[in-house]
Amino acid sequence: MARVRFIGPQPVTVPELGGRRIHPDEVVDVPDARYDGYVCQPSNWEPFEEPKTSAPAAKKAAAKKGSED
């Protein structure tokens, strides 16, 4: 799980988090696969802790990037 901070002006209900009410400046855990969906909304969410990638996955991504150059 990754962590993000809600920086919006008013509390919101987030259905994806079980309908939980999130308050301004609250840090919440979000699924790693959904992390980008939160931080791409910079007026509402900011990164707190990026998703953890496993060493094999990171190695595979680096190898793929190198083959595209």
PDB file of N, CA and C in Angstrom:
ATOM      1  N   MET A   1       0.832  -1.175   0.000  1.00  0.00           N
ATOM      2  CA  MET A   1       0.000   0.000   0.000  1.00  0.00           C
ATOM      3  C   MET A   1       0.883   1.247   0.000  1.00  0.00           C
ATOM      4  N   ALA A   2       0.412   2.252  -0.707  1.00  0.00           N
ATOM      5  CA  ALA A   2       1.076   3.548  -0.738  1.00  0.00           C
ATOM      6  C   ALA A   2       0.258   4.509   0.126  1.00  0.00           C
ATOM      7  N   ARG A   3       0.851   5.635   0.442  1.00  0.00           N
ATOM      8  CA  ARG A   3       0.143   6.599   1.281  1.00  0.00           C
ATOM      9  C   ARG A   3       0.071   7.942   0.562  1.00  0.00           C
ATOM     10  N   VAL A   4      -1.072   8.599   0.698  1.00  0.00           N
ATOM     11  CA  VAL A   4      -1.286   9.928   0.132  1.00  0.00           C
ATOM     12  C   VAL A   4      -1.934  10.813   1.198  1.00  0.00           C
ATOM     13  N   ARG A   5      -1.745  12.115   1.047  1.00  0.00           N
ATOM     14  CA  ARG A   5      -2.358  13.078   1.976  1.00  0.00           C
ATOM     15  C   ARG A   5      -3.435  13.842   1.225  1.00  0.00           C
ATOM     16  N   PHE A   6      -4.600  13.944   1.850  1.00  0.00           N
ATOM     17  CA  PHE A   6      -5.691  14.722   1.263  1.00  0.00           C
ATOM     18  C   PHE A   6      -5.470  16.186   1.611  1.00  0.00           C
ATOM     19  N   ILE A   7      -5.399  17.033   0.591  1.00  0.00           N
ATOM     20  CA  ILE A   7      -5.149  18.455   0.827  1.00  0.00           C
ATOM     21  C   ILE A   7      -6.302  19.324   0.339  1.00  0.00           C
ATOM     22  N   GLY A   8      -7.433  18.699   0.029  1.00  0.00           N
ATOM     23  CA  GLY A   8      -8.609  19.456  -0.394  1.00  0.00           C
ATOM     24  C   GLY A   8      -9.132  20.321   0.741  1.00  0.00           C
ATOM     25  N   PRO A   9     -10.027  21.252   0.424  1.00  0.00           N
ATOM     26  CA  PRO A   9     -10.504  22.212   1.417  1.00  0.00           C
ATOM     27  C   PRO A   9     -11.564  21.676   2.383  1.00  0.00           C
ATOM     28  N   GLN A  10     -12.296  20.624   1.989  1.00  0.00           N
ATOM     29  CA  GLN A  10     -13.380  20.097   2.824  1.00  0.00           C
ATOM     30  C   GLN A  10     -13.304  18.573   2.862  1.00  0.00           C
ATOM     31  N   PRO A  11     -13.856  17.955   3.898  1.00  0.00           N
ATOM     32  CA  PRO A  11     -13.872  16.498   3.957  1.00  0.00           C
ATOM     33  C   PRO A  11     -14.593  15.907   2.741  1.00  0.00           C
ATOM     34  N   VAL A  12     -14.132  14.735   2.311  1.00  0.00           N
ATOM     35  CA  VAL A  12     -14.757  14.030   1.193  1.00  0.00           C
ATOM     36  C   VAL A  12     -14.992  12.577   1.581  1.00  0.00           C
ATOM     37  N   THR A  13     -15.957  11.962   0.931  1.00  0.00           N
ATOM     38  CA  THR A  13     -16.194  10.535   1.098  1.00  0.00           C
ATOM     39  C   THR A  13     -15.589   9.841  -0.113  1.00  0.00           C
ATOM     40  N   VAL A  14     -14.748   8.842   0.124  1.00  0.00           N
ATOM     41  CA  VAL A  14     -14.057   8.146  -0.959  1.00  0.00           C
ATOM     42  C   VAL A  14     -14.600   6.725  -1.048  1.00  0.00           C
ATOM     43  N   PRO A  15     -15.469   6.469  -2.026  1.00  0.00           N
ATOM     44  CA  PRO A  15     -16.067   5.134  -2.164  1.00  0.00           C
ATOM     45  C   PRO A  15     -15.027   4.021  -2.280  1.00  0.00           C
ATOM     46  N   GLU A  16     -13.946   4.291  -2.994  1.00  0.00           N
ATOM     47  CA  GLU A  16     -12.903   3.284  -3.195  1.00  0.00           C
ATOM     48  C   GLU A  16     -12.254   2.847  -1.877  1.00  0.00           C
ATOM     49  N   LEU A  17     -12.332   3.692  -0.877  1.00  0.00           N
ATOM     50  CA  LEU A  17     -11.758   3.367   0.433  1.00  0.00           C
ATOM     51  C   LEU A  17     -12.842   2.924   1.408  1.00  0.00           C
ATOM     52  N   GLY A  18     -13.848   2.270   0.869  1.00  0.00           N
ATOM     53  CA  GLY A  18     -14.923   1.746   1.704  1.00  0.00           C
ATOM     54  C   GLY A  18     -15.917   2.799   2.143  1.00  0.00           C
ATOM     55  N   GLY A  19     -16.006   3.896   1.397  1.00  0.00           N
ATOM     56  CA  GLY A  19     -16.946   4.959   1.757  1.00  0.00           C
ATOM     57  C   GLY A  19     -16.474   5.790   2.932  1.00  0.00           C
ATOM     58  N   ARG A  20     -15.200   5.700   3.197  1.00  0.00           N
ATOM     59  CA  ARG A  20     -14.623   6.405   4.344  1.00  0.00           C
ATOM     60  C   ARG A  20     -14.603   7.913   4.123  1.00  0.00           C
ATOM     61  N   ARG A  21     -14.853   8.662   5.169  1.00  0.00           N
ATOM     62  CA  ARG A  21     -14.806  10.129   5.137  1.00  0.00           C
ATOM     63  C   ARG A  21     -13.364  10.547   5.422  1.00  0.00           C
ATOM     64  N   ILE A  22     -12.780  11.310   4.499  1.00  0.00           N
ATOM     65  CA  ILE A  22     -11.389  11.753   4.613  1.00  0.00           C
ATOM     66  C   ILE A  22     -11.381  13.260   4.849  1.00  0.00           C
ATOM     67  N   HIS A  23     -10.634  13.688   5.850  1.00  0.00           N
ATOM     68  CA  HIS A  23     -10.581  15.103   6.230  1.00  0.00           C
ATOM     69  C   HIS A  23      -9.296  15.756   5.711  1.00  0.00           C
ATOM     70  N   PRO A  24      -9.323  17.090   5.517  1.00  0.00           N
ATOM     71  CA  PRO A  24      -8.120  17.789   5.063  1.00  0.00           C
ATOM     72  C   PRO A  24      -6.914  17.462   5.949  1.00  0.00           C
ATOM     73  N   ASP A  25      -5.781  17.270   5.296  1.00  0.00           N
ATOM     74  CA  ASP A  25      -4.492  16.952   5.923  1.00  0.00           C
ATOM     75  C   ASP A  25      -4.425  15.525   6.467  1.00  0.00           C
ATOM     76  N   GLU A  26      -5.402  14.691   6.160  1.00  0.00           N
ATOM     77  CA  GLU A  26      -5.375  13.295   6.612  1.00  0.00           C
ATOM     78  C   GLU A  26      -4.562  12.454   5.632  1.00  0.00           C
ATOM     79  N   VAL A  27      -3.753  11.559   6.168  1.00  0.00           N
ATOM     80  CA  VAL A  27      -2.959  10.633   5.361  1.00  0.00           C
ATOM     81  C   VAL A  27      -3.680   9.296   5.344  1.00  0.00           C
ATOM     82  N   VAL A  28      -3.835   8.726   4.146  1.00  0.00           N
ATOM     83  CA  VAL A  28      -4.535   7.454   4.004  1.00  0.00           C
ATOM     84  C   VAL A  28      -3.715   6.484   3.164  1.00  0.00           C
ATOM     85  N   ASP A  29      -3.948   5.194   3.393  1.00  0.00           N
ATOM     86  CA  ASP A  29      -3.353   4.144   2.591  1.00  0.00           C
ATOM     87  C   ASP A  29      -4.233   3.888   1.381  1.00  0.00           C
ATOM     88  N   VAL A  30      -3.602   3.793   0.210  1.00  0.00           N
ATOM     89  CA  VAL A  30      -4.320   3.473  -1.023  1.00  0.00           C
ATOM     90  C   VAL A  30      -3.596   2.310  -1.698  1.00  0.00           C
ATOM     91  N   PRO A  31      -4.314   1.512  -2.472  1.00  0.00           N
ATOM     92  CA  PRO A  31      -3.650   0.408  -3.173  1.00  0.00           C
ATOM     93  C   PRO A  31      -2.549   0.941  -4.103  1.00  0.00           C
ATOM     94  N   ASP A  32      -1.424   0.242  -4.140  1.00  0.00           N
ATOM     95  CA  ASP A  32      -0.318   0.669  -5.002  1.00  0.00           C
ATOM     96  C   ASP A  32      -0.785   0.900  -6.436  1.00  0.00           C
ATOM     97  N   ALA A  33      -1.640   0.030  -6.925  1.00  0.00           N
ATOM     98  CA  ALA A  33      -2.111   0.127  -8.310  1.00  0.00           C
ATOM     99  C   ALA A  33      -2.949   1.382  -8.553  1.00  0.00           C
ATOM    100  N   ARG A  34      -3.486   1.998  -7.510  1.00  0.00           N
ATOM    101  CA  ARG A  34      -4.329   3.193  -7.653  1.00  0.00           C
ATOM    102  C   ARG A  34      -3.618   4.488  -7.251  1.00  0.00           C
ATOM    103  N   TYR A  35      -2.379   4.390  -6.811  1.00  0.00           N
ATOM    104  CA  TYR A  35      -1.606   5.552  -6.351  1.00  0.00           C
ATOM    105  C   TYR A  35      -1.614   6.688  -7.376  1.00  0.00           C
ATOM    106  N   ASP A  36      -1.326   6.366  -8.638  1.00  0.00           N
ATOM    107  CA  ASP A  36      -1.278   7.401  -9.673  1.00  0.00           C
ATOM    108  C   ASP A  36      -2.620   8.102  -9.851  1.00  0.00           C
ATOM    109  N   GLY A  37      -3.708   7.392  -9.619  1.00  0.00           N
ATOM    110  CA  GLY A  37      -5.035   7.983  -9.741  1.00  0.00           C
ATOM    111  C   GLY A  37      -5.313   9.045  -8.683  1.00  0.00           C
ATOM    112  N   TYR A  38      -4.601   8.975  -7.592  1.00  0.00           N
ATOM    113  CA  TYR A  38      -4.749   9.993  -6.543  1.00  0.00           C
ATOM    114  C   TYR A  38      -3.799  11.164  -6.796  1.00  0.00           C
ATOM    115  N   VAL A  39      -2.516  10.869  -6.982  1.00  0.00           N
ATOM    116  CA  VAL A  39      -1.538  11.960  -7.092  1.00  0.00           C
ATOM    117  C   VAL A  39      -1.642  12.733  -8.406  1.00  0.00           C
ATOM    118  N   CYS A  40      -2.432  12.228  -9.363  1.00  0.00           N
ATOM    119  CA  CYS A  40      -2.627  13.008 -10.598  1.00  0.00           C
ATOM    120  C   CYS A  40      -3.656  14.124 -10.364  1.00  0.00           C
ATOM    121  N   GLN A  41      -4.174  14.222  -9.145  1.00  0.00           N
ATOM    122  CA  GLN A  41      -5.108  15.284  -8.755  1.00  0.00           C
ATOM    123  C   GLN A  41      -4.413  16.186  -7.722  1.00  0.00           C
ATOM    124  N   PRO A  42      -3.429  16.979  -8.161  1.00  0.00           N
ATOM    125  CA  PRO A  42      -2.609  17.732  -7.205  1.00  0.00           C
ATOM    126  C   PRO A  42      -3.346  18.790  -6.389  1.00  0.00           C
ATOM    127  N   SER A  43      -4.552  19.153  -6.785  1.00  0.00           N
ATOM    128  CA  SER A  43      -5.291  20.111  -5.967  1.00  0.00           C
ATOM    129  C   SER A  43      -6.008  19.413  -4.807  1.00  0.00           C
ATOM    130  N   ASN A  44      -6.042  18.071  -4.825  1.00  0.00           N
ATOM    131  CA  ASN A  44      -6.716  17.322  -3.766  1.00  0.00           C
ATOM    132  C   ASN A  44      -5.818  16.356  -2.993  1.00  0.00           C
ATOM    133  N   TRP A  45      -4.826  15.795  -3.665  1.00  0.00           N
ATOM    134  CA  TRP A  45      -3.980  14.770  -3.042  1.00  0.00           C
ATOM    135  C   TRP A  45      -2.519  15.068  -3.300  1.00  0.00           C
ATOM    136  N   GLU A  46      -1.668  14.728  -2.331  1.00  0.00           N
ATOM    137  CA  GLU A  46      -0.234  14.832  -2.551  1.00  0.00           C
ATOM    138  C   GLU A  46       0.431  13.538  -2.108  1.00  0.00           C
ATOM    139  N   PRO A  47       1.537  13.196  -2.744  1.00  0.00           N
ATOM    140  CA  PRO A  47       2.246  11.974  -2.354  1.00  0.00           C
ATOM    141  C   PRO A  47       2.715  12.072  -0.911  1.00  0.00           C
ATOM    142  N   PHE A  48       2.623  10.990  -0.210  1.00  0.00           N
ATOM    143  CA  PHE A  48       3.154  10.923   1.151  1.00  0.00           C
ATOM    144  C   PHE A  48       4.208   9.832   1.203  1.00  0.00           C
ATOM    145  N   GLU A  49       3.884   8.705   0.584  1.00  0.00           N
ATOM    146  CA  GLU A  49       4.808   7.583   0.510  1.00  0.00           C
ATOM    147  C   GLU A  49       4.497   6.839  -0.784  1.00  0.00           C
ATOM    148  N   GLU A  50       5.477   6.791  -1.679  1.00  0.00           N
ATOM    149  CA  GLU A  50       5.256   6.156  -2.969  1.00  0.00           C
ATOM    150  C   GLU A  50       5.100   4.642  -2.822  1.00  0.00           C
ATOM    151  N   PRO A  51       4.452   4.020  -3.833  1.00  0.00           N
ATOM    152  CA  PRO A  51       4.290   2.571  -3.776  1.00  0.00           C
ATOM    153  C   PRO A  51       5.647   1.881  -3.706  1.00  0.00           C
ATOM    154  N   LYS A  52       5.672   0.790  -3.035  1.00  0.00           N
ATOM    155  CA  LYS A  52       6.897  -0.002  -2.961  1.00  0.00           C
ATOM    156  C   LYS A  52       6.896  -0.974  -4.133  1.00  0.00           C
ATOM    157  N   THR A  53       7.981  -0.958  -4.894  1.00  0.00           N
ATOM    158  CA  THR A  53       8.086  -1.914  -5.987  1.00  0.00           C
ATOM    159  C   THR A  53       9.050  -3.005  -5.574  1.00  0.00           C
ATOM    160  N   SER A  54       8.743  -4.190  -5.972  1.00  0.00           N
ATOM    161  CA  SER A  54       9.638  -5.297  -5.636  1.00  0.00           C
ATOM    162  C   SER A  54      10.897  -5.169  -6.488  1.00  0.00           C
ATOM    163  N   ALA A  55      11.991  -5.694  -6.014  1.00  0.00           N
ATOM    164  CA  ALA A  55      13.248  -5.619  -6.752  1.00  0.00           C
ATOM    165  C   ALA A  55      13.117  -6.238  -8.140  1.00  0.00           C
ATOM    166  N   PRO A  56      12.507  -7.413  -8.300  1.00  0.00           N
ATOM    167  CA  PRO A  56      12.376  -7.967  -9.649  1.00  0.00           C
ATOM    168  C   PRO A  56      11.553  -7.075 -10.578  1.00  0.00           C
ATOM    169  N   ALA A  57      10.493  -6.478 -10.079  1.00  0.00           N
ATOM    170  CA  ALA A  57       9.665  -5.606 -10.915  1.00  0.00           C
ATOM    171  C   ALA A  57      10.440  -4.354 -11.319  1.00  0.00           C
ATOM    172  N   ALA A  58      11.191  -3.785 -10.402  1.00  0.00           N
ATOM    173  CA  ALA A  58      11.986  -2.597 -10.707  1.00  0.00           C
ATOM    174  C   ALA A  58      13.074  -2.926 -11.717  1.00  0.00           C
ATOM    175  N   LYS A  59      13.687  -4.083 -11.564  1.00  0.00           N
ATOM    176  CA  LYS A  59      14.730  -4.515 -12.485  1.00  0.00           C
ATOM    177  C   LYS A  59      14.161  -4.715 -13.889  1.00  0.00           C
ATOM    178  N   LYS A  60      12.992  -5.328 -13.967  1.00  0.00           N
ATOM    179  CA  LYS A  60      12.332  -5.576 -15.246  1.00  0.00           C
ATOM    180  C   LYS A  60      11.979  -4.251 -15.932  1.00  0.00           C
ATOM    181  N   ALA A  61      11.471  -3.280 -15.170  1.00  0.00           N
ATOM    182  CA  ALA A  61      11.115  -1.974 -15.727  1.00  0.00           C
ATOM    183  C   ALA A  61      12.359  -1.253 -16.242  1.00  0.00           C
ATOM    184  N   ALA A  62      13.453  -1.340 -15.505  1.00  0.00           N
ATOM    185  CA  ALA A  62      14.690  -0.694 -15.929  1.00  0.00           C
ATOM    186  C   ALA A  62      15.225  -1.350 -17.201  1.00  0.00           C
ATOM    187  N   ALA A  63      15.151  -2.662 -17.288  1.00  0.00           N
ATOM    188  CA  ALA A  63      15.610  -3.370 -18.479  1.00  0.00           C
ATOM    189  C   ALA A  63      14.748  -2.990 -19.693  1.00  0.00           C
ATOM    190  N   LYS A  64      13.449  -2.884 -19.496  1.00  0.00           N
ATOM    191  CA  LYS A  64      12.557  -2.517 -20.595  1.00  0.00           C
ATOM    192  C   LYS A  64      12.881  -1.101 -21.075  1.00  0.00           C
ATOM    193  N   LYS A  65      13.093  -0.182 -20.128  1.00  0.00           N
ATOM    194  CA  LYS A  65      13.408   1.203 -20.498  1.00  0.00           C
ATOM    195  C   LYS A  65      14.709   1.257 -21.284  1.00  0.00           C
ATOM    196  N   GLY A  66      15.684   0.503 -20.854  1.00  0.00           N
ATOM    197  CA  GLY A  66      16.970   0.482 -21.543  1.00  0.00           C
ATOM    198  C   GLY A  66      16.859  -0.041 -22.963  1.00  0.00           C
ATOM    199  N   SER A  67      15.966  -0.989 -23.221  1.00  0.00           N
ATOM    200  CA  SER A  67      15.814  -1.555 -24.560  1.00  0.00           C
ATOM    201  C   SER A  67      15.046  -0.630 -25.496  1.00  0.00           C
ATOM    202  N   GLU A  68      14.321   0.365 -24.930  1.00  0.00           N
ATOM    203  CA  GLU A  68      13.563   1.297 -25.750  1.00  0.00           C
ATOM    204  C   GLU A  68      14.412   2.467 -26.228  1.00  0.00           C
ATOM    205  N   ASP A  69      15.534   2.716 -25.569  1.00  0.00           N
ATOM    206  CA  ASP A  69      16.392   3.872 -25.924  1.00  0.00           C
ATOM    207  C   ASP A  69      17.147   3.639 -27.199  1.00  0.00           C
TER     208      ASP A  69
END
